[in-house]
Amino acid sequence: MTPSRTTGRSPALNLFLVIWCALVFGFLMAPLLIVFPISFSSASYLQFPPPGWSLRWYQAYLSDYAWMDATWRSVKVALATTVLSTVLGTMLAFSLVRGRYPGRAALGQVANTPLLVPTIIYSVAVYGLFAQMRLIGQWWGIVLAHTVLAIPYVTIMVSAALKTVDPRLEQAAIGLGASRLTAIRRVTLPIIRPAIISAMFLAFISSFDELVVAMFLGGVNMTLPKKMFDNIVNEIDPTIAAVSVLQILLVCVCLLLAKRFGMGGQKIGV
């Protein structure tokens, strides 16, 4: 049995790796696949396989004021977080990549700190600060906390794209009479636009799906993840499965849009 010329592994080992990866992928995806039929169940409680099929739990979700209020609040928080984190993260990425000043490396490490600190610790610290500022229960208080968590994603993605852009393109534009800001707006930003769009969708998903911070800062004004958590704790019915399916579909749509208009559309941006 001769090894493969391209990988250096034998065909039997390649087949084993493919089967193993397929099994692991199936194990990870199985719970998601079970959620879909449960959301269309006619039973009054979570039951698999469903005894019958019905849209009653989707109707219950869409007609329930508490569910819809939590959903729209999550959308509002996620959109505001996306705008703030994209603007601030892009500016920070320009500073880290193009800047030449003392402490730039340390600033980059600090900017990535939210990725290293456990969310529960961050939430406790933010709660203590926001309680003094009387921001508990305010939706824009959650936006500020989510923005801190989303900025590192934007900074990392935009910085990676910015490092591939030749600074001489901006210098050429400036040499032709454009200001520094105009050169960035008309030359650099269109080139890195796919990375910025991908970072926007990532920031939106990270905010929309965040639970721990919302539990500390939301007060009585619940976001959708907090409402789902309370529903699981207090009363479990297939409505939670219907909401989960809609969340999965939303994430899939965001990923498809990011692929279409983000990194998948790199040639369009260039």
C-alpha atoms as a PDB file:
ATOM      1  CA  MET A   1       0.000   0.000   0.000  1.00  0.00           C
ATOM      2  CA  THR A   2       1.755   3.124  -1.233  1.00  0.00           C
ATOM      3  CA  PRO A   3       1.416   6.518   0.431  1.00  0.00           C
ATOM      4  CA  SER A   4      -0.478   9.293  -1.331  1.00  0.00           C
ATOM      5  CA  ARG A   5       1.803  11.610  -3.293  1.00  0.00           C
ATOM      6  CA  THR A   6      -0.074  14.740  -2.276  1.00  0.00           C
ATOM      7  CA  THR A   7      -0.483  14.102   1.456  1.00  0.00           C
ATOM      8  CA  GLY A   8       2.224  11.545   2.246  1.00  0.00           C
ATOM      9  CA  ARG A   9      -0.407   9.312   3.925  1.00  0.00           C
ATOM     10  CA  SER A  10      -1.682   5.943   2.814  1.00  0.00           C
ATOM     11  CA  PRO A  11      -5.181   5.741   1.245  1.00  0.00           C
ATOM     12  CA  ALA A  12      -6.372   3.656   4.206  1.00  0.00           C
ATOM     13  CA  LEU A  13      -5.327   6.365   6.657  1.00  0.00           C
ATOM     14  CA  ASN A  14      -7.005   9.041   4.519  1.00  0.00           C
ATOM     15  CA  LEU A  15     -10.219   7.012   4.491  1.00  0.00           C
ATOM     16  CA  PHE A  16     -10.041   6.553   8.270  1.00  0.00           C
ATOM     17  CA  LEU A  17      -9.594  10.299   8.793  1.00  0.00           C
ATOM     18  CA  VAL A  18     -12.551  11.072   6.537  1.00  0.00           C
ATOM     19  CA  ILE A  19     -14.788   8.619   8.382  1.00  0.00           C
ATOM     20  CA  TRP A  20     -13.610   9.877  11.771  1.00  0.00           C
ATOM     21  CA  CYS A  21     -14.235  13.509  10.845  1.00  0.00           C
ATOM     22  CA  ALA A  22     -17.678  12.590   9.498  1.00  0.00           C
ATOM     23  CA  LEU A  23     -18.552  10.839  12.773  1.00  0.00           C
ATOM     24  CA  VAL A  24     -17.367  13.788  14.878  1.00  0.00           C
ATOM     25  CA  PHE A  25     -19.285  16.232  12.668  1.00  0.00           C
ATOM     26  CA  GLY A  26     -22.410  14.078  12.893  1.00  0.00           C
ATOM     27  CA  PHE A  27     -22.077  13.871  16.692  1.00  0.00           C
ATOM     28  CA  LEU A  28     -21.838  17.662  16.934  1.00  0.00           C
ATOM     29  CA  MET A  29     -24.704  18.296  14.516  1.00  0.00           C
ATOM     30  CA  ALA A  30     -27.110  15.650  15.877  1.00  0.00           C
ATOM     31  CA  PRO A  31     -28.595  17.882  18.637  1.00  0.00           C
ATOM     32  CA  LEU A  32     -29.293  20.618  16.096  1.00  0.00           C
ATOM     33  CA  LEU A  33     -31.024  18.170  13.785  1.00  0.00           C
ATOM     34  CA  ILE A  34     -33.233  16.946  16.634  1.00  0.00           C
ATOM     35  CA  VAL A  35     -34.319  20.506  17.472  1.00  0.00           C
ATOM     36  CA  PHE A  36     -35.938  21.007  14.067  1.00  0.00           C
ATOM     37  CA  PRO A  37     -38.561  18.230  14.295  1.00  0.00           C
ATOM     38  CA  ILE A  38     -39.268  19.041  17.956  1.00  0.00           C
ATOM     39  CA  SER A  39     -40.134  22.630  16.990  1.00  0.00           C
ATOM     40  CA  PHE A  40     -42.905  21.292  14.736  1.00  0.00           C
ATOM     41  CA  SER A  41     -44.241  18.918  17.394  1.00  0.00           C
ATOM     42  CA  SER A  42     -47.930  18.810  18.297  1.00  0.00           C
ATOM     43  CA  ALA A  43     -47.117  17.682  21.848  1.00  0.00           C
ATOM     44  CA  SER A  44     -47.406  20.040  24.802  1.00  0.00           C
ATOM     45  CA  TYR A  45     -43.911  19.230  26.025  1.00  0.00           C
ATOM     46  CA  LEU A  46     -40.526  18.366  24.535  1.00  0.00           C
ATOM     47  CA  GLN A  47     -40.865  14.936  22.975  1.00  0.00           C
ATOM     48  CA  PHE A  48     -38.793  13.123  20.358  1.00  0.00           C
ATOM     49  CA  PRO A  49     -39.874  11.792  18.003  1.00  0.00           C
ATOM     50  CA  PRO A  50     -42.894  14.113  17.802  1.00  0.00           C
ATOM     51  CA  PRO A  51     -46.309  12.413  18.018  1.00  0.00           C
ATOM     52  CA  GLY A  52     -47.617  14.754  15.326  1.00  0.00           C
ATOM     53  CA  TRP A  53     -46.817  17.890  13.356  1.00  0.00           C
ATOM     54  CA  SER A  54     -47.989  21.411  14.049  1.00  0.00           C
ATOM     55  CA  LEU A  55     -46.981  25.081  13.736  1.00  0.00           C
ATOM     56  CA  ARG A  56     -48.546  25.943  17.100  1.00  0.00           C
ATOM     57  CA  TRP A  57     -45.205  26.710  18.786  1.00  0.00           C
ATOM     58  CA  TYR A  58     -44.120  29.125  16.069  1.00  0.00           C
ATOM     59  CA  GLN A  59     -47.510  30.801  16.392  1.00  0.00           C
ATOM     60  CA  ALA A  60     -47.095  30.889  20.164  1.00  0.00           C
ATOM     61  CA  TYR A  61     -43.733  32.598  19.779  1.00  0.00           C
ATOM     62  CA  LEU A  62     -44.929  35.177  17.251  1.00  0.00           C
ATOM     63  CA  SER A  63     -48.080  35.998  19.228  1.00  0.00           C
ATOM     64  CA  ASP A  64     -46.418  36.266  22.642  1.00  0.00           C
ATOM     65  CA  TYR A  65     -45.550  39.841  23.600  1.00  0.00           C
ATOM     66  CA  ALA A  66     -42.763  38.818  25.999  1.00  0.00           C
ATOM     67  CA  TRP A  67     -41.002  36.752  23.339  1.00  0.00           C
ATOM     68  CA  MET A  68     -41.298  39.413  20.659  1.00  0.00           C
ATOM     69  CA  ASP A  69     -40.242  42.204  23.014  1.00  0.00           C
ATOM     70  CA  ALA A  70     -37.114  40.254  23.966  1.00  0.00           C
ATOM     71  CA  THR A  71     -36.408  39.509  20.304  1.00  0.00           C
ATOM     72  CA  TRP A  72     -36.633  43.113  19.142  1.00  0.00           C
ATOM     73  CA  ARG A  73     -34.541  44.252  22.099  1.00  0.00           C
ATOM     74  CA  SER A  74     -31.827  41.753  21.144  1.00  0.00           C
ATOM     75  CA  VAL A  75     -31.943  42.944  17.530  1.00  0.00           C
ATOM     76  CA  LYS A  76     -31.687  46.574  18.645  1.00  0.00           C
ATOM     77  CA  VAL A  77     -28.774  45.831  20.971  1.00  0.00           C
ATOM     78  CA  ALA A  78     -26.981  43.735  18.335  1.00  0.00           C
ATOM     79  CA  LEU A  79     -27.348  46.397  15.622  1.00  0.00           C
ATOM     80  CA  ALA A  80     -26.080  49.166  17.894  1.00  0.00           C
ATOM     81  CA  THR A  81     -23.203  46.953  19.037  1.00  0.00           C
ATOM     82  CA  THR A  82     -22.335  46.176  15.416  1.00  0.00           C
ATOM     83  CA  VAL A  83     -22.118  49.843  14.466  1.00  0.00           C
ATOM     84  CA  LEU A  84     -20.069  50.874  17.506  1.00  0.00           C
ATOM     85  CA  SER A  85     -17.683  47.920  17.452  1.00  0.00           C
ATOM     86  CA  THR A  86     -17.117  48.199  13.686  1.00  0.00           C
ATOM     87  CA  VAL A  87     -16.270  51.901  13.825  1.00  0.00           C
ATOM     88  CA  LEU A  88     -14.082  51.665  16.922  1.00  0.00           C
ATOM     89  CA  GLY A  89     -12.480  48.360  15.937  1.00  0.00           C
ATOM     90  CA  THR A  90     -11.613  49.612  12.438  1.00  0.00           C
ATOM     91  CA  MET A  91     -10.065  52.785  13.831  1.00  0.00           C
ATOM     92  CA  LEU A  92      -8.081  50.722  16.331  1.00  0.00           C
ATOM     93  CA  ALA A  93      -6.914  48.385  13.564  1.00  0.00           C
ATOM     94  CA  PHE A  94      -5.594  51.347  11.550  1.00  0.00           C
ATOM     95  CA  SER A  95      -3.808  52.600  14.647  1.00  0.00           C
ATOM     96  CA  LEU A  96      -2.192  49.235  15.349  1.00  0.00           C
ATOM     97  CA  VAL A  97      -1.169  48.473  11.758  1.00  0.00           C
ATOM     98  CA  ARG A  98      -0.227  51.900  10.417  1.00  0.00           C
ATOM     99  CA  GLY A  99       0.693  53.674  13.624  1.00  0.00           C
ATOM    100  CA  ARG A 100       4.276  54.209  14.729  1.00  0.00           C
ATOM    101  CA  TYR A 101       4.264  55.187  18.401  1.00  0.00           C
ATOM    102  CA  PRO A 102       5.544  53.800  21.714  1.00  0.00           C
ATOM    103  CA  GLY A 103       3.287  51.234  23.359  1.00  0.00           C
ATOM    104  CA  ARG A 104       1.595  50.113  20.155  1.00  0.00           C
ATOM    105  CA  ALA A 105       2.263  46.428  20.872  1.00  0.00           C
ATOM    106  CA  ALA A 106       0.952  46.794  24.426  1.00  0.00           C
ATOM    107  CA  LEU A 107      -2.189  48.478  23.108  1.00  0.00           C
ATOM    108  CA  GLY A 108      -2.742  45.537  20.785  1.00  0.00           C
ATOM    109  CA  GLN A 109      -2.499  43.125  23.701  1.00  0.00           C
ATOM    110  CA  VAL A 110      -4.954  45.194  25.745  1.00  0.00           C
ATOM    111  CA  ALA A 111      -7.379  45.319  22.813  1.00  0.00           C
ATOM    112  CA  ASN A 112      -7.488  41.512  22.724  1.00  0.00           C
ATOM    113  CA  THR A 113      -7.950  41.132  26.487  1.00  0.00           C
ATOM    114  CA  PRO A 114     -11.765  40.609  26.280  1.00  0.00           C
ATOM    115  CA  LEU A 115     -11.057  37.368  24.391  1.00  0.00           C
ATOM    116  CA  LEU A 116      -8.970  36.077  27.301  1.00  0.00           C
ATOM    117  CA  VAL A 117     -11.052  37.149  30.307  1.00  0.00           C
ATOM    118  CA  PRO A 118     -13.927  34.746  31.167  1.00  0.00           C
ATOM    119  CA  THR A 119     -17.288  36.340  30.412  1.00  0.00           C
ATOM    120  CA  ILE A 120     -18.583  35.771  33.947  1.00  0.00           C
ATOM    121  CA  ILE A 121     -15.669  37.721  35.445  1.00  0.00           C
ATOM    122  CA  TYR A 122     -16.126  40.517  32.921  1.00  0.00           C
ATOM    123  CA  SER A 123     -19.859  40.625  33.676  1.00  0.00           C
ATOM    124  CA  VAL A 124     -19.312  40.928  37.427  1.00  0.00           C
ATOM    125  CA  ALA A 125     -16.822  43.767  36.915  1.00  0.00           C
ATOM    126  CA  VAL A 126     -19.095  45.615  34.492  1.00  0.00           C
ATOM    127  CA  TYR A 127     -22.055  45.156  36.817  1.00  0.00           C
ATOM    128  CA  GLY A 128     -20.176  46.838  39.664  1.00  0.00           C
ATOM    129  CA  LEU A 129     -19.233  49.763  37.416  1.00  0.00           C
ATOM    130  CA  PHE A 130     -22.616  50.172  35.726  1.00  0.00           C
ATOM    131  CA  ALA A 131     -24.485  49.903  39.036  1.00  0.00           C
ATOM    132  CA  GLN A 132     -22.697  53.060  40.187  1.00  0.00           C
ATOM    133  CA  MET A 133     -23.542  54.738  36.879  1.00  0.00           C
ATOM    134  CA  ARG A 134     -27.191  53.585  37.122  1.00  0.00           C
ATOM    135  CA  LEU A 135     -27.045  51.763  33.796  1.00  0.00           C
ATOM    136  CA  ILE A 136     -28.514  48.471  35.014  1.00  0.00           C
ATOM    137  CA  GLY A 137     -31.659  47.728  33.045  1.00  0.00           C
ATOM    138  CA  GLN A 138     -30.806  50.166  30.252  1.00  0.00           C
ATOM    139  CA  TRP A 139     -30.516  48.584  26.823  1.00  0.00           C
ATOM    140  CA  TRP A 140     -27.689  50.879  25.799  1.00  0.00           C
ATOM    141  CA  GLY A 141     -25.760  49.764  28.881  1.00  0.00           C
ATOM    142  CA  ILE A 142     -25.817  46.256  27.398  1.00  0.00           C
ATOM    143  CA  VAL A 143     -24.683  47.768  24.095  1.00  0.00           C
ATOM    144  CA  LEU A 144     -21.612  49.296  25.718  1.00  0.00           C
ATOM    145  CA  ALA A 145     -20.720  46.020  27.432  1.00  0.00           C
ATOM    146  CA  HIS A 146     -21.242  44.013  24.228  1.00  0.00           C
ATOM    147  CA  THR A 147     -19.179  46.492  22.234  1.00  0.00           C
ATOM    148  CA  VAL A 148     -16.141  45.831  24.417  1.00  0.00           C
ATOM    149  CA  LEU A 149     -16.531  42.101  23.730  1.00  0.00           C
ATOM    150  CA  ALA A 150     -17.028  42.578  19.975  1.00  0.00           C
ATOM    151  CA  ILE A 151     -14.204  45.037  19.279  1.00  0.00           C
ATOM    152  CA  PRO A 152     -11.441  42.371  19.346  1.00  0.00           C
ATOM    153  CA  TYR A 153     -13.170  40.401  16.576  1.00  0.00           C
ATOM    154  CA  VAL A 154     -13.340  43.490  14.376  1.00  0.00           C
ATOM    155  CA  THR A 155      -9.787  44.543  15.196  1.00  0.00           C
ATOM    156  CA  ILE A 156      -8.297  41.134  14.402  1.00  0.00           C
ATOM    157  CA  MET A 157     -10.127  40.732  11.085  1.00  0.00           C
ATOM    158  CA  VAL A 158      -9.564  44.285   9.865  1.00  0.00           C
ATOM    159  CA  SER A 159      -5.916  44.263  10.961  1.00  0.00           C
ATOM    160  CA  ALA A 160      -5.293  41.058   9.029  1.00  0.00           C
ATOM    161  CA  ALA A 161      -6.814  42.579   5.886  1.00  0.00           C
ATOM    162  CA  LEU A 162      -5.035  45.897   6.372  1.00  0.00           C
ATOM    163  CA  LYS A 163      -1.624  44.199   6.525  1.00  0.00           C
ATOM    164  CA  THR A 164      -2.178  42.952   2.974  1.00  0.00           C
ATOM    165  CA  VAL A 165      -2.737  46.475   1.609  1.00  0.00           C
ATOM    166  CA  ASP A 166       0.344  48.192   0.200  1.00  0.00           C
ATOM    167  CA  PRO A 167       0.765  51.589   1.941  1.00  0.00           C
ATOM    168  CA  ARG A 168       2.154  52.957  -1.319  1.00  0.00           C
ATOM    169  CA  LEU A 169      -1.386  52.988  -2.713  1.00  0.00           C
ATOM    170  CA  GLU A 170      -2.360  55.594  -0.134  1.00  0.00           C
ATOM    171  CA  GLN A 171       0.897  57.481  -0.746  1.00  0.00           C
ATOM    172  CA  ALA A 172       0.142  57.570  -4.461  1.00  0.00           C
ATOM    173  CA  ALA A 173      -3.315  58.995  -3.799  1.00  0.00           C
ATOM    174  CA  ILE A 174      -1.870  61.613  -1.455  1.00  0.00           C
ATOM    175  CA  GLY A 175       0.755  62.468  -4.078  1.00  0.00           C
ATOM    176  CA  LEU A 176      -2.064  63.120  -6.544  1.00  0.00           C
ATOM    177  CA  GLY A 177      -3.622  65.678  -4.222  1.00  0.00           C
ATOM    178  CA  ALA A 178      -5.907  63.649  -1.946  1.00  0.00           C
ATOM    179  CA  SER A 179      -5.872  64.234   1.771  1.00  0.00           C
ATOM    180  CA  ARG A 180      -4.925  61.423   4.144  1.00  0.00           C
ATOM    181  CA  LEU A 181      -8.547  60.875   5.125  1.00  0.00           C
ATOM    182  CA  THR A 182      -9.701  60.898   1.503  1.00  0.00           C
ATOM    183  CA  ALA A 183      -7.003  58.387   0.538  1.00  0.00           C
ATOM    184  CA  ILE A 184      -8.147  56.033   3.284  1.00  0.00           C
ATOM    185  CA  ARG A 185     -11.814  56.492   2.398  1.00  0.00           C
ATOM    186  CA  ARG A 186     -11.428  56.166  -1.376  1.00  0.00           C
ATOM    187  CA  VAL A 187      -8.546  53.673  -1.609  1.00  0.00           C
ATOM    188  CA  THR A 188      -7.956  51.606   1.539  1.00  0.00           C
ATOM    189  CA  LEU A 189     -11.484  51.103   2.839  1.00  0.00           C
ATOM    190  CA  PRO A 190     -12.845  49.744  -0.483  1.00  0.00           C
ATOM    191  CA  ILE A 191     -10.001  47.208  -0.558  1.00  0.00           C
ATOM    192  CA  ILE A 192     -10.613  45.944   2.980  1.00  0.00           C
ATOM    193  CA  ARG A 193     -14.400  46.241   2.686  1.00  0.00           C
ATOM    194  CA  PRO A 194     -14.915  42.433   2.607  1.00  0.00           C
ATOM    195  CA  ALA A 195     -13.106  42.048   5.932  1.00  0.00           C
ATOM    196  CA  ILE A 196     -15.102  44.887   7.472  1.00  0.00           C
ATOM    197  CA  ILE A 197     -18.399  43.354   6.346  1.00  0.00           C
ATOM    198  CA  SER A 198     -17.406  39.943   7.695  1.00  0.00           C
ATOM    199  CA  ALA A 199     -16.421  41.552  11.003  1.00  0.00           C
ATOM    200  CA  MET A 200     -19.799  43.303  11.160  1.00  0.00           C
ATOM    201  CA  PHE A 201     -21.708  40.033  10.850  1.00  0.00           C
ATOM    202  CA  LEU A 202     -19.452  38.405  13.432  1.00  0.00           C
ATOM    203  CA  ALA A 203     -20.025  41.282  15.856  1.00  0.00           C
ATOM    204  CA  PHE A 204     -23.783  41.052  15.291  1.00  0.00           C
ATOM    205  CA  ILE A 205     -23.888  37.320  15.990  1.00  0.00           C
ATOM    206  CA  SER A 206     -21.675  37.599  19.078  1.00  0.00           C
ATOM    207  CA  SER A 207     -23.954  40.284  20.550  1.00  0.00           C
ATOM    208  CA  PHE A 208     -27.271  38.705  19.559  1.00  0.00           C
ATOM    209  CA  ASP A 209     -26.335  35.369  21.120  1.00  0.00           C
ATOM    210  CA  GLU A 210     -24.658  36.697  24.302  1.00  0.00           C
ATOM    211  CA  LEU A 211     -26.319  35.621  27.557  1.00  0.00           C
ATOM    212  CA  VAL A 212     -24.098  36.191  30.601  1.00  0.00           C
ATOM    213  CA  VAL A 213     -23.695  39.968  30.247  1.00  0.00           C
ATOM    214  CA  ALA A 214     -27.434  40.362  29.593  1.00  0.00           C
ATOM    215  CA  MET A 215     -28.219  38.413  32.776  1.00  0.00           C
ATOM    216  CA  PHE A 216     -26.186  40.870  34.859  1.00  0.00           C
ATOM    217  CA  LEU A 217     -27.092  44.120  33.125  1.00  0.00           C
ATOM    218  CA  GLY A 218     -30.543  43.529  31.642  1.00  0.00           C
ATOM    219  CA  GLY A 219     -32.609  43.796  34.798  1.00  0.00           C
ATOM    220  CA  VAL A 220     -36.269  43.227  33.978  1.00  0.00           C
ATOM    221  CA  ASN A 221     -35.640  44.126  30.323  1.00  0.00           C
ATOM    222  CA  MET A 222     -34.709  40.738  28.908  1.00  0.00           C
ATOM    223  CA  THR A 223     -32.890  39.974  25.705  1.00  0.00           C
ATOM    224  CA  LEU A 224     -33.793  36.879  23.689  1.00  0.00           C
ATOM    225  CA  PRO A 225     -31.038  34.628  25.162  1.00  0.00           C
ATOM    226  CA  LYS A 226     -32.096  35.677  28.678  1.00  0.00           C
ATOM    227  CA  LYS A 227     -35.736  34.950  27.871  1.00  0.00           C
ATOM    228  CA  MET A 228     -34.755  31.526  26.513  1.00  0.00           C
ATOM    229  CA  PHE A 229     -32.761  30.798  29.669  1.00  0.00           C
ATOM    230  CA  ASP A 230     -35.689  31.756  31.914  1.00  0.00           C
ATOM    231  CA  ASN A 231     -38.037  29.656  29.813  1.00  0.00           C
ATOM    232  CA  ILE A 232     -35.805  26.594  30.223  1.00  0.00           C
ATOM    233  CA  VAL A 233     -35.551  27.136  33.995  1.00  0.00           C
ATOM    234  CA  ASN A 234     -39.223  27.871  34.680  1.00  0.00           C
ATOM    235  CA  GLU A 235     -41.296  26.095  32.040  1.00  0.00           C
ATOM    236  CA  ILE A 236     -40.023  23.907  29.233  1.00  0.00           C
ATOM    237  CA  ASP A 237     -42.262  23.663  26.178  1.00  0.00           C
ATOM    238  CA  PRO A 238     -41.545  23.313  22.445  1.00  0.00           C
ATOM    239  CA  THR A 239     -41.615  27.091  22.072  1.00  0.00           C
ATOM    240  CA  ILE A 240     -37.951  27.082  23.055  1.00  0.00           C
ATOM    241  CA  ALA A 241     -37.272  24.664  20.179  1.00  0.00           C
ATOM    242  CA  ALA A 242     -39.049  26.962  17.718  1.00  0.00           C
ATOM    243  CA  VAL A 243     -37.007  29.950  18.898  1.00  0.00           C
ATOM    244  CA  SER A 244     -33.816  27.897  18.668  1.00  0.00           C
ATOM    245  CA  VAL A 245     -34.578  26.949  15.067  1.00  0.00           C
ATOM    246  CA  LEU A 246     -35.150  30.591  14.163  1.00  0.00           C
ATOM    247  CA  GLN A 247     -31.836  31.506  15.806  1.00  0.00           C
ATOM    248  CA  ILE A 248     -30.025  28.790  13.860  1.00  0.00           C
ATOM    249  CA  LEU A 249     -31.547  30.075  10.625  1.00  0.00           C
ATOM    250  CA  LEU A 250     -30.545  33.646  11.505  1.00  0.00           C
ATOM    251  CA  VAL A 251     -26.935  32.602  12.082  1.00  0.00           C
ATOM    252  CA  CYS A 252     -26.924  30.678   8.795  1.00  0.00           C
ATOM    253  CA  VAL A 253     -28.264  33.722   6.954  1.00  0.00           C
ATOM    254  CA  CYS A 254     -25.574  35.927   8.530  1.00  0.00           C
ATOM    255  CA  LEU A 255     -22.861  33.462   7.531  1.00  0.00           C
ATOM    256  CA  LEU A 256     -24.169  33.278   3.956  1.00  0.00           C
ATOM    257  CA  LEU A 257     -24.330  37.070   3.713  1.00  0.00           C
ATOM    258  CA  ALA A 258     -20.828  37.342   5.143  1.00  0.00           C
ATOM    259  CA  LYS A 259     -19.592  34.876   2.552  1.00  0.00           C
ATOM    260  CA  ARG A 260     -21.409  36.676  -0.262  1.00  0.00           C
ATOM    261  CA  PHE A 261     -20.561  40.258   0.642  1.00  0.00           C
ATOM    262  CA  GLY A 262     -17.606  39.687   2.955  1.00  0.00           C
ATOM    263  CA  MET A 263     -14.546  37.544   2.469  1.00  0.00           C
ATOM    264  CA  GLY A 264     -16.264  35.643  -0.340  1.00  0.00           C
ATOM    265  CA  GLY A 265     -16.528  38.887  -2.279  1.00  0.00           C
ATOM    266  CA  GLN A 266     -12.860  39.837  -1.999  1.00  0.00           C
ATOM    267  CA  LYS A 267     -12.515  40.301  -5.754  1.00  0.00           C
ATOM    268  CA  ILE A 268     -15.374  42.768  -5.774  1.00  0.00           C
ATOM    269  CA  GLY A 269     -13.734  44.828  -3.025  1.00  0.00           C
ATOM    270  CA  VAL A 270     -10.428  44.966  -4.896  1.00  0.00           C
END
